[in-house]
Amino acid sequence: MPTSSIFTNIVINDPGKAEKFIDALEASSHDPAWQTASSIRRPLTDIEKIRELMAKRGYVK
């Protein structure tokens, strides 16, 4: 998305449309519905678990 579209001025001449726009902005700010894209896993630090993981992948010393 180009950054120029973020800085576009919005002109609303109809008072009814202006009210609807303001109401939509207020409604979206009260309870934003979002979810994380993916779960965050902690780094694997246990040596035995790392060895098990590498053994599953076929890496053998």
Protein backbone atom coordinates (compact mmCIF):
# COMPACT_ATOMS: atom_id res chain seq x y z
CA MET A 1 0.00 0.00 0.00
CA PRO A 2 1.52 3.31 -0.97
CA THR A 3 2.00 5.77 1.85
CA SER A 4 0.48 8.59 -0.21
CA SER A 5 -2.99 7.07 0.29
CA ILE A 6 -2.61 7.41 4.07
CA PHE A 7 -2.19 11.16 3.85
CA THR A 8 -5.20 11.86 1.61
CA ASN A 9 -7.56 14.61 2.75
CA ILE A 10 -11.19 13.59 3.10
CA VAL A 11 -13.85 16.15 2.18
CA ILE A 12 -17.43 15.44 3.26
CA ASN A 13 -19.99 18.07 2.30
CA ASP A 14 -23.16 16.27 3.43
CA PRO A 15 -23.79 16.59 7.22
CA GLY A 16 -25.56 13.21 7.30
CA LYS A 17 -22.60 11.44 5.72
CA ALA A 18 -20.26 13.26 8.10
CA GLU A 19 -22.26 11.97 11.09
CA LYS A 20 -22.18 8.41 9.74
CA PHE A 21 -18.43 8.66 9.18
CA ILE A 22 -17.81 9.94 12.71
CA ASP A 23 -20.07 7.24 14.18
CA ALA A 24 -18.16 4.56 12.26
CA LEU A 25 -14.82 5.90 13.54
CA GLU A 26 -16.08 5.95 17.12
CA ALA A 27 -17.54 2.44 16.88
CA SER A 28 -14.31 1.02 15.48
CA SER A 29 -12.22 2.61 18.23
CA HIS A 30 -14.26 1.20 21.13
CA ASP A 31 -13.87 -2.51 20.49
CA PRO A 32 -11.28 -3.28 17.84
CA ALA A 33 -11.57 -6.90 16.74
CA TRP A 34 -8.18 -8.32 15.77
CA GLN A 35 -6.36 -11.58 16.14
CA THR A 36 -2.72 -12.46 16.00
CA ALA A 37 -1.58 -13.84 12.67
CA SER A 38 0.36 -16.69 14.23
CA SER A 39 1.17 -18.01 17.66
CA ILE A 40 4.53 -17.10 19.13
CA ARG A 41 6.66 -20.00 20.30
CA ARG A 42 9.47 -19.70 22.78
CA PRO A 43 12.94 -20.68 21.58
CA LEU A 44 13.91 -24.29 22.20
CA THR A 45 16.62 -24.30 24.89
CA ASP A 46 16.48 -27.83 26.32
CA ILE A 47 19.43 -29.75 24.82
CA GLU A 48 17.64 -33.11 24.87
CA LYS A 49 14.61 -31.69 23.06
CA ILE A 50 16.88 -30.10 20.47
CA ARG A 51 18.55 -33.48 19.92
CA GLU A 52 15.15 -35.16 19.53
CA LEU A 53 14.12 -32.53 16.99
CA MET A 54 17.31 -32.91 14.99
CA ALA A 55 16.97 -36.72 15.08
CA LYS A 56 13.51 -36.42 13.53
CA ARG A 57 14.96 -34.30 10.72
CA GLY A 58 17.68 -36.82 9.96
CA TYR A 59 20.65 -34.92 11.37
CA VAL A 60 22.96 -37.31 13.17
CA LYS A 61 26.38 -36.48 14.53
